[in-house]
Amino acid sequence: MKACLFCSSTRYRPFAYPAITYNGKRFQYLQCKDCKLVFIDPLPNADDLQKMFPPEYHPEGGEVEIRTYYHDQVRIIKEHSTLTNIADFGCGPGHFLSFLEKQCKGLTLTGIEYTQRMVDQLKQQKPGMSFITYEDFQKNTTPQYDIIRLSHVFIHLTDPVAGLRNIVNQLKPGGLLMVDGPIERNFTFGRWMMDIYFFLRKNMGGKFETDYPPYLVTQTNRSNQKKILEQTGFSPIQWRVFDGRWPFPESLKSAHPVHVTKYILGSMSLLLSKMVPGFGKFFLWTGKKPI
């Protein structure tokens, strides 16, 4: 029987998002009636994941959220200057590691990626850093790292509870776990508009499906996202919810009424996220492992 990926509840209902046909399979989103997590069914397998995340894949995002992640996390790393062995789990092209290398000296930096092909490319592009596969990461039997960062990774884990446990086991006592990413089911103008669109499409009849890759295994809100991270037993150092312009335009490049409206909505979202606690599509969390 299918169960919620966060709380293991078997009480769920079909969610309003369209069904997805991808890689010869049909996926749908379900919502847990207890913790409100939205999750994909069936779960993507290894073949699906390799197709979805080729080496050239880079998650979409806007300048506001990327700038917020980088500066907040580098600030915390500088405040904990004795923690020098840092791993970026799901490092992608290695942009954060390169940024961190310029900001802080004397660090040992490791990037962790899913495929050997991606790791080989990164080793060639960034010879001053170490890169390993997730499979090699799991082989470590003793804690290796002072800080582990997961950026836009949690939403892709097919077993987030076990995955988080495995990652935490690689962290030394007193080390930091940094997690950031989208909270897709938290209230924002973007989510409000999307929910209205999906509601209308679903109730207008006809086929409501897409072939867009099922990148998001889970979609959280601020409550269930924070709760699953707190289950690590770590002492919280940072919890922040904020909004960014994405998927709204970064600038007024066009005078078209639709473009201008989207830009204004994005500006209002940014303003509200500064005024209303918990409003926004993105989160930052840092916790300290007990000694």
Foldseek 3Di string as FASTA:
>chain_A
DDADLQPRHPAKAFDLAAWAQEPNDIKGWIAHPPQGKIFIPPADDPVLVCVVCPLPDDDDDDPVVVVVVLVVVLVVCVVVVVFAEEEEEQCRLVPSVVVSCVVDPDHAYEYEAADPVNQVVSCVVCVVHHYDYPVVLLPDPAADGQEYEYEQNLQQDLNNLVVVVSVVRNHDAQGKYKYKYWQQPEDAPVNVVVVVVSVCVVVVDDHRYYNPRPRGRIHHALVSVVVSVCVLVFAWPDKAAAAALPVQDPDPPDPPPVNVVSNVSSVVQRVVSVVPGRRYTMIITMTTHHD
